[in-house]
Structures are given as structure tokens and as C-alpha cells.
Amino acid sequence: MDSPLLEVWHAASGSPFLPTVGKGSQFFVAFLLLLIGFTLTGAFILNRSIVNLPLLGIPASLAFAFGVVYMFCAVGVYV
């Protein structure tokens, strides 16, 4: 009696994982996201208001977060 997990394992062995962002372009994507994060943070710091929080602050923090993860992956620190 085979387990369902073993069947899934064997079925998945025929189709390798292909990431959305390839290994060769992770550094560029990370650098771009970090640059966007720095730019949006600078614009938010220069003009702080409650209106700019969802327009600049939240996208800046998201760009930083994803940029740091992509930079970790680009330089070989896997999370």
C-alpha cells in the first residue's frame, strides 16, 4: 500500500521547479526593488502625512521586504 505522499513525490519528479524570476536575474530584481524602496522612503520622509502612508509608506516597505529576500537569494543566503 503506497502512501499518497510517495505518489505525489514520484509524479513531481518528472516536472522540475522553474522559478518565476530566474537565478541570473535575481540580483537585478533585488537591486531594482531596493532602489524603489529607498526612493519611496525618501519621498515619504520629505512629505509625511496620513494620505502618503498608503501611497508611499506601504509600497516602500513591501519593496524593501521583497528586495531584501531577493538579494539574499541572489548572493546565496537562502531563506
PDB file of N, CA and C in Angstrom:
ATOM      1  N   MET A   1       0.839  -1.177   0.000  1.00  0.00           N
ATOM      2  CA  MET A   1       0.000   0.000   0.000  1.00  0.00           C
ATOM      3  C   MET A   1       0.890   1.247   0.000  1.00  0.00           C
ATOM      4  N   ASP A   2       0.890   1.970  -1.108  1.00  0.00           N
ATOM      5  CA  ASP A   2       1.701   3.184  -1.226  1.00  0.00           C
ATOM      6  C   ASP A   2       0.999   4.353  -0.548  1.00  0.00           C
ATOM      7  N   SER A   3       1.815   5.222   0.003  1.00  0.00           N
ATOM      8  CA  SER A   3       1.236   6.410   0.630  1.00  0.00           C
ATOM      9  C   SER A   3       0.967   7.462  -0.446  1.00  0.00           C
ATOM     10  N   PRO A   4      -0.023   8.328  -0.229  1.00  0.00           N
ATOM     11  CA  PRO A   4      -0.307   9.384  -1.205  1.00  0.00           C
ATOM     12  C   PRO A   4       0.870  10.344  -1.385  1.00  0.00           C
ATOM     13  N   LEU A   5       1.631  10.561  -0.323  1.00  0.00           N
ATOM     14  CA  LEU A   5       2.778  11.455  -0.430  1.00  0.00           C
ATOM     15  C   LEU A   5       3.834  10.884  -1.358  1.00  0.00           C
ATOM     16  N   LEU A   6       4.033   9.589  -1.312  1.00  0.00           N
ATOM     17  CA  LEU A   6       5.004   8.943  -2.199  1.00  0.00           C
ATOM     18  C   LEU A   6       4.561   9.046  -3.655  1.00  0.00           C
ATOM     19  N   GLU A   7       3.262   8.920  -3.893  1.00  0.00           N
ATOM     20  CA  GLU A   7       2.745   9.073  -5.260  1.00  0.00           C
ATOM     21  C   GLU A   7       2.959  10.495  -5.769  1.00  0.00           C
ATOM     22  N   VAL A   8       2.725  11.474  -4.911  1.00  0.00           N
ATOM     23  CA  VAL A   8       2.943  12.869  -5.301  1.00  0.00           C
ATOM     24  C   VAL A   8       4.427  13.105  -5.584  1.00  0.00           C
ATOM     25  N   TRP A   9       5.285  12.506  -4.766  1.00  0.00           N
ATOM     26  CA  TRP A   9       6.731  12.641  -4.948  1.00  0.00           C
ATOM     27  C   TRP A   9       7.160  12.106  -6.302  1.00  0.00           C
ATOM     28  N   HIS A  10       6.678  10.952  -6.672  1.00  0.00           N
ATOM     29  CA  HIS A  10       7.047  10.357  -7.956  1.00  0.00           C
ATOM     30  C   HIS A  10       6.447  11.126  -9.128  1.00  0.00           C
ATOM     31  N   ALA A  11       5.245  11.639  -8.968  1.00  0.00           N
ATOM     32  CA  ALA A  11       4.619  12.428 -10.031  1.00  0.00           C
ATOM     33  C   ALA A  11       5.360  13.743 -10.250  1.00  0.00           C
ATOM     34  N   ALA A  12       5.863  14.334  -9.174  1.00  0.00           N
ATOM     35  CA  ALA A  12       6.554  15.619  -9.278  1.00  0.00           C
ATOM     36  C   ALA A  12       7.968  15.479  -9.811  1.00  0.00           C
ATOM     37  N   SER A  13       8.528  14.309  -9.782  1.00  0.00           N
ATOM     38  CA  SER A  13       9.910  14.146 -10.237  1.00  0.00           C
ATOM     39  C   SER A  13      10.052  14.384 -11.737  1.00  0.00           C
ATOM     40  N   GLY A  14       8.971  14.264 -12.484  1.00  0.00           N
ATOM     41  CA  GLY A  14       9.031  14.476 -13.928  1.00  0.00           C
ATOM     42  C   GLY A  14       8.953  15.931 -14.337  1.00  0.00           C
ATOM     43  N   SER A  15       8.514  16.812 -13.426  1.00  0.00           N
ATOM     44  CA  SER A  15       8.391  18.233 -13.767  1.00  0.00           C
ATOM     45  C   SER A  15       9.220  19.062 -12.786  1.00  0.00           C
ATOM     46  N   PRO A  16      10.397  19.504 -13.196  1.00  0.00           N
ATOM     47  CA  PRO A  16      11.254  20.268 -12.288  1.00  0.00           C
ATOM     48  C   PRO A  16      10.669  21.649 -11.979  1.00  0.00           C
ATOM     49  N   PHE A  17      11.078  22.203 -10.865  1.00  0.00           N
ATOM     50  CA  PHE A  17      10.628  23.528 -10.447  1.00  0.00           C
ATOM     51  C   PHE A  17      11.301  24.605 -11.293  1.00  0.00           C
ATOM     52  N   LEU A  18      10.507  25.491 -11.840  1.00  0.00           N
ATOM     53  CA  LEU A  18      11.016  26.630 -12.606  1.00  0.00           C
ATOM     54  C   LEU A  18      10.553  27.908 -11.912  1.00  0.00           C
ATOM     55  N   PRO A  19      11.469  28.669 -11.305  1.00  0.00           N
ATOM     56  CA  PRO A  19      11.060  29.873 -10.577  1.00  0.00           C
ATOM     57  C   PRO A  19      10.584  30.965 -11.527  1.00  0.00           C
ATOM     58  N   THR A  20       9.760  31.851 -10.991  1.00  0.00           N
ATOM     59  CA  THR A  20       9.254  32.974 -11.781  1.00  0.00           C
ATOM     60  C   THR A  20      10.377  33.914 -12.179  1.00  0.00           C
ATOM     61  N   VAL A  21      11.258  34.213 -11.240  1.00  0.00           N
ATOM     62  CA  VAL A  21      12.431  35.041 -11.509  1.00  0.00           C
ATOM     63  C   VAL A  21      13.640  34.112 -11.509  1.00  0.00           C
ATOM     64  N   GLY A  22      14.307  34.026 -12.639  1.00  0.00           N
ATOM     65  CA  GLY A  22      15.439  33.119 -12.777  1.00  0.00           C
ATOM     66  C   GLY A  22      16.623  33.530 -11.918  1.00  0.00           C
ATOM     67  N   LYS A  23      17.507  32.587 -11.682  1.00  0.00           N
ATOM     68  CA  LYS A  23      18.681  32.829 -10.842  1.00  0.00           C
ATOM     69  C   LYS A  23      19.565  33.937 -11.409  1.00  0.00           C
ATOM     70  N   GLY A  24      19.660  34.017 -12.711  1.00  0.00           N
ATOM     71  CA  GLY A  24      20.514  35.027 -13.334  1.00  0.00           C
ATOM     72  C   GLY A  24      20.002  36.443 -13.190  1.00  0.00           C
ATOM     73  N   SER A  25      18.716  36.625 -12.975  1.00  0.00           N
ATOM     74  CA  SER A  25      18.169  37.975 -12.885  1.00  0.00           C
ATOM     75  C   SER A  25      17.731  38.357 -11.478  1.00  0.00           C
ATOM     76  N   GLN A  26      18.008  37.527 -10.479  1.00  0.00           N
ATOM     77  CA  GLN A  26      17.600  37.844  -9.111  1.00  0.00           C
ATOM     78  C   GLN A  26      18.329  39.071  -8.568  1.00  0.00           C
ATOM     79  N   PHE A  27      19.596  39.226  -8.902  1.00  0.00           N
ATOM     80  CA  PHE A  27      20.339  40.386  -8.399  1.00  0.00           C
ATOM     81  C   PHE A  27      19.765  41.680  -8.963  1.00  0.00           C
ATOM     82  N   PHE A  28      19.433  41.685 -10.258  1.00  0.00           N
ATOM     83  CA  PHE A  28      18.861  42.880 -10.877  1.00  0.00           C
ATOM     84  C   PHE A  28      17.508  43.219 -10.263  1.00  0.00           C
ATOM     85  N   VAL A  29      16.663  42.222 -10.071  1.00  0.00           N
ATOM     86  CA  VAL A  29      15.341  42.443  -9.475  1.00  0.00           C
ATOM     87  C   VAL A  29      15.498  42.951  -8.041  1.00  0.00           C
ATOM     88  N   ALA A  30      16.415  42.364  -7.287  1.00  0.00           N
ATOM     89  CA  ALA A  30      16.647  42.799  -5.906  1.00  0.00           C
ATOM     90  C   ALA A  30      17.136  44.235  -5.864  1.00  0.00           C
ATOM     91  N   PHE A  31      18.088  44.563  -6.716  1.00  0.00           N
ATOM     92  CA  PHE A  31      18.625  45.925  -6.744  1.00  0.00           C
ATOM     93  C   PHE A  31      17.533  46.924  -7.122  1.00  0.00           C
ATOM     94  N   LEU A  32      16.714  46.567  -8.096  1.00  0.00           N
ATOM     95  CA  LEU A  32      15.628  47.447  -8.522  1.00  0.00           C
ATOM     96  C   LEU A  32      14.607  47.650  -7.403  1.00  0.00           C
ATOM     97  N   LEU A  33      14.218  46.578  -6.720  1.00  0.00           N
ATOM     98  CA  LEU A  33      13.261  46.706  -5.621  1.00  0.00           C
ATOM     99  C   LEU A  33      13.828  47.526  -4.469  1.00  0.00           C
ATOM    100  N   LEU A  34      15.102  47.334  -4.150  1.00  0.00           N
ATOM    101  CA  LEU A  34      15.705  48.130  -3.086  1.00  0.00           C
ATOM    102  C   LEU A  34      15.821  49.600  -3.478  1.00  0.00           C
ATOM    103  N   LEU A  35      16.125  49.860  -4.730  1.00  0.00           N
ATOM    104  CA  LEU A  35      16.184  51.240  -5.209  1.00  0.00           C
ATOM    105  C   LEU A  35      14.805  51.900  -5.144  1.00  0.00           C
ATOM    106  N   ILE A  36      13.771  51.175  -5.543  1.00  0.00           N
ATOM    107  CA  ILE A  36      12.404  51.694  -5.442  1.00  0.00           C
ATOM    108  C   ILE A  36      12.044  51.938  -3.980  1.00  0.00           C
ATOM    109  N   GLY A  37      12.428  51.015  -3.111  1.00  0.00           N
ATOM    110  CA  GLY A  37      12.153  51.183  -1.687  1.00  0.00           C
ATOM    111  C   GLY A  37      12.822  52.418  -1.114  1.00  0.00           C
ATOM    112  N   PHE A  38      14.099  52.644  -1.455  1.00  0.00           N
ATOM    113  CA  PHE A  38      14.803  53.840  -0.983  1.00  0.00           C
ATOM    114  C   PHE A  38      14.160  55.105  -1.521  1.00  0.00           C
ATOM    115  N   THR A  39      13.775  55.105  -2.782  1.00  0.00           N
ATOM    116  CA  THR A  39      13.161  56.285  -3.391  1.00  0.00           C
ATOM    117  C   THR A  39      11.824  56.614  -2.742  1.00  0.00           C
ATOM    118  N   LEU A  40      10.975  55.600  -2.574  1.00  0.00           N
ATOM    119  CA  LEU A  40       9.679  55.839  -1.948  1.00  0.00           C
ATOM    120  C   LEU A  40       9.825  56.246  -0.481  1.00  0.00           C
ATOM    121  N   THR A  41      10.802  55.701   0.203  1.00  0.00           N
ATOM    122  CA  THR A  41      11.044  56.092   1.592  1.00  0.00           C
ATOM    123  C   THR A  41      11.483  57.551   1.669  1.00  0.00           C
ATOM    124  N   GLY A  42      12.358  57.946   0.758  1.00  0.00           N
ATOM    125  CA  GLY A  42      12.787  59.349   0.721  1.00  0.00           C
ATOM    126  C   GLY A  42      11.633  60.292   0.448  1.00  0.00           C
ATOM    127  N   ALA A  43      10.768  59.928  -0.482  1.00  0.00           N
ATOM    128  CA  ALA A  43       9.607  60.771  -0.781  1.00  0.00           C
ATOM    129  C   ALA A  43       8.652  60.815   0.406  1.00  0.00           C
ATOM    130  N   PHE A  44       8.511  59.704   1.108  1.00  0.00           N
ATOM    131  CA  PHE A  44       7.631  59.674   2.277  1.00  0.00           C
ATOM    132  C   PHE A  44       8.201  60.506   3.415  1.00  0.00           C
ATOM    133  N   ILE A  45       9.511  60.470   3.604  1.00  0.00           N
ATOM    134  CA  ILE A  45      10.134  61.245   4.682  1.00  0.00           C
ATOM    135  C   ILE A  45      10.007  62.744   4.411  1.00  0.00           C
ATOM    136  N   LEU A  46      10.130  63.140   3.153  1.00  0.00           N
ATOM    137  CA  LEU A  46      10.047  64.562   2.820  1.00  0.00           C
ATOM    138  C   LEU A  46       8.638  65.117   2.944  1.00  0.00           C
ATOM    139  N   ASN A  47       7.629  64.267   2.799  1.00  0.00           N
ATOM    140  CA  ASN A  47       6.244  64.743   2.831  1.00  0.00           C
ATOM    141  C   ASN A  47       5.404  63.755   3.638  1.00  0.00           C
ATOM    142  N   ARG A  48       5.557  63.783   4.956  1.00  0.00           N
ATOM    143  CA  ARG A  48       4.830  62.848   5.813  1.00  0.00           C
ATOM    144  C   ARG A  48       3.416  63.335   6.071  1.00  0.00           C
ATOM    145  N   SER A  49       2.459  62.510   5.746  1.00  0.00           N
ATOM    146  CA  SER A  49       1.064  62.767   6.082  1.00  0.00           C
ATOM    147  C   SER A  49       0.336  61.427   6.084  1.00  0.00           C
ATOM    148  N   ILE A  50      -0.850  61.435   6.623  1.00  0.00           N
ATOM    149  CA  ILE A  50      -1.619  60.194   6.691  1.00  0.00           C
ATOM    150  C   ILE A  50      -2.045  59.734   5.295  1.00  0.00           C
ATOM    151  N   VAL A  51      -2.160  60.671   4.371  1.00  0.00           N
ATOM    152  CA  VAL A  51      -2.535  60.323   2.996  1.00  0.00           C
ATOM    153  C   VAL A  51      -1.380  59.599   2.301  1.00  0.00           C
ATOM    154  N   ASN A  52      -0.152  60.000   2.588  1.00  0.00           N
ATOM    155  CA  ASN A  52       1.014  59.394   1.938  1.00  0.00           C
ATOM    156  C   ASN A  52       1.390  58.035   2.517  1.00  0.00           C
ATOM    157  N   LEU A  53       0.812  57.671   3.642  1.00  0.00           N
ATOM    158  CA  LEU A  53       1.148  56.370   4.224  1.00  0.00           C
ATOM    159  C   LEU A  53       0.767  55.224   3.293  1.00  0.00           C
ATOM    160  N   PRO A  54      -0.490  55.140   2.809  1.00  0.00           N
ATOM    161  CA  PRO A  54      -0.789  54.040   1.881  1.00  0.00           C
ATOM    162  C   PRO A  54      -0.208  54.251   0.483  1.00  0.00           C
ATOM    163  N   LEU A  55       0.069  55.494   0.111  1.00  0.00           N
ATOM    164  CA  LEU A  55       0.588  55.772  -1.227  1.00  0.00           C
ATOM    165  C   LEU A  55       2.092  55.563  -1.342  1.00  0.00           C
ATOM    166  N   LEU A  56       2.827  55.869  -0.271  1.00  0.00           N
ATOM    167  CA  LEU A  56       4.288  55.775  -0.328  1.00  0.00           C
ATOM    168  C   LEU A  56       4.872  54.835   0.722  1.00  0.00           C
ATOM    169  N   GLY A  57       4.368  54.884   1.938  1.00  0.00           N
ATOM    170  CA  GLY A  57       4.955  54.124   3.032  1.00  0.00           C
ATOM    171  C   GLY A  57       4.803  52.624   2.891  1.00  0.00           C
ATOM    172  N   ILE A  58       3.615  52.171   2.606  1.00  0.00           N
ATOM    173  CA  ILE A  58       3.377  50.725   2.480  1.00  0.00           C
ATOM    174  C   ILE A  58       4.078  50.138   1.254  1.00  0.00           C
ATOM    175  N   PRO A  59       3.982  50.768   0.067  1.00  0.00           N
ATOM    176  CA  PRO A  59       4.760  50.228  -1.064  1.00  0.00           C
ATOM    177  C   PRO A  59       6.270  50.249  -0.822  1.00  0.00           C
ATOM    178  N   ALA A  60       6.764  51.245  -0.089  1.00  0.00           N
ATOM    179  CA  ALA A  60       8.196  51.294   0.213  1.00  0.00           C
ATOM    180  C   ALA A  60       8.604  50.119   1.089  1.00  0.00           C
ATOM    181  N   SER A  61       7.808  49.816   2.097  1.00  0.00           N
ATOM    182  CA  SER A  61       8.159  48.705   2.982  1.00  0.00           C
ATOM    183  C   SER A  61       8.045  47.369   2.263  1.00  0.00           C
ATOM    184  N   LEU A  62       7.070  47.223   1.382  1.00  0.00           N
ATOM    185  CA  LEU A  62       6.950  45.988   0.599  1.00  0.00           C
ATOM    186  C   LEU A  62       8.119  45.830  -0.371  1.00  0.00           C
ATOM    187  N   ALA A  63       8.521  46.929  -1.002  1.00  0.00           N
ATOM    188  CA  ALA A  63       9.655  46.862  -1.925  1.00  0.00           C
ATOM    189  C   ALA A  63      10.932  46.501  -1.173  1.00  0.00           C
ATOM    190  N   PHE A  64      11.124  47.065   0.014  1.00  0.00           N
ATOM    191  CA  PHE A  64      12.277  46.699   0.831  1.00  0.00           C
ATOM    192  C   PHE A  64      12.241  45.222   1.211  1.00  0.00           C
ATOM    193  N   ALA A  65      11.079  44.766   1.649  1.00  0.00           N
ATOM    194  CA  ALA A  65      10.971  43.378   2.113  1.00  0.00           C
ATOM    195  C   ALA A  65      11.282  42.389   0.998  1.00  0.00           C
ATOM    196  N   PHE A  66      10.645  42.543  -0.138  1.00  0.00           N
ATOM    197  CA  PHE A  66      10.896  41.628  -1.251  1.00  0.00           C
ATOM    198  C   PHE A  66      12.304  41.823  -1.818  1.00  0.00           C
ATOM    199  N   GLY A  67      12.795  43.060  -1.823  1.00  0.00           N
ATOM    200  CA  GLY A  67      14.148  43.315  -2.308  1.00  0.00           C
ATOM    201  C   GLY A  67      15.204  42.637  -1.454  1.00  0.00           C
ATOM    202  N   VAL A  68      15.018  42.657  -0.138  1.00  0.00           N
ATOM    203  CA  VAL A  68      15.983  42.002   0.748  1.00  0.00           C
ATOM    204  C   VAL A  68      15.961  40.493   0.551  1.00  0.00           C
ATOM    205  N   VAL A  69      14.775  39.915   0.419  1.00  0.00           N
ATOM    206  CA  VAL A  69      14.688  38.465   0.208  1.00  0.00           C
ATOM    207  C   VAL A  69      15.336  38.078  -1.126  1.00  0.00           C
ATOM    208  N   TYR A  70      15.067  38.841  -2.178  1.00  0.00           N
ATOM    209  CA  TYR A  70      15.688  38.540  -3.473  1.00  0.00           C
ATOM    210  C   TYR A  70      17.207  38.741  -3.410  1.00  0.00           C
ATOM    211  N   MET A  71      17.673  39.747  -2.665  1.00  0.00           N
ATOM    212  CA  MET A  71      19.112  39.959  -2.552  1.00  0.00           C
ATOM    213  C   MET A  71      19.760  38.812  -1.789  1.00  0.00           C
ATOM    214  N   PHE A  72      19.105  38.333  -0.736  1.00  0.00           N
ATOM    215  CA  PHE A  72      19.611  37.160  -0.028  1.00  0.00           C
ATOM    216  C   PHE A  72      19.748  35.980  -0.977  1.00  0.00           C
ATOM    217  N   CYS A  73      18.717  35.754  -1.789  1.00  0.00           N
ATOM    218  CA  CYS A  73      18.760  34.629  -2.721  1.00  0.00           C
ATOM    219  C   CYS A  73      19.816  34.842  -3.806  1.00  0.00           C
ATOM    220  N   ALA A  74      19.997  36.081  -4.239  1.00  0.00           N
ATOM    221  CA  ALA A  74      20.959  36.369  -5.304  1.00  0.00           C
ATOM    222  C   ALA A  74      22.397  36.144  -4.854  1.00  0.00           C
ATOM    223  N   VAL A  75      22.685  36.419  -3.588  1.00  0.00           N
ATOM    224  CA  VAL A  75      24.060  36.263  -3.115  1.00  0.00           C
ATOM    225  C   VAL A  75      24.306  34.929  -2.431  1.00  0.00           C
ATOM    226  N   GLY A  76      23.282  34.099  -2.330  1.00  0.00           N
ATOM    227  CA  GLY A  76      23.491  32.746  -1.840  1.00  0.00           C
ATOM    228  C   GLY A  76      23.064  32.476  -0.421  1.00  0.00           C
ATOM    229  N   VAL A  77      22.342  33.393   0.211  1.00  0.00           N
ATOM    230  CA  VAL A  77      21.801  33.162   1.550  1.00  0.00           C
ATOM    231  C   VAL A  77      20.343  32.770   1.354  1.00  0.00           C
ATOM    232  N   TYR A  78      20.039  31.499   1.455  1.00  0.00           N
ATOM    233  CA  TYR A  78      18.690  31.032   1.158  1.00  0.00           C
ATOM    234  C   TYR A  78      17.838  31.047   2.415  1.00  0.00           C
ATOM    235  N   VAL A  79      16.669  31.660   2.297  1.00  0.00           N
ATOM    236  CA  VAL A  79      15.739  31.747   3.427  1.00  0.00           C
ATOM    237  C   VAL A  79      14.524  30.876   3.185  1.00  0.00           C
TER     238      VAL A  79
END
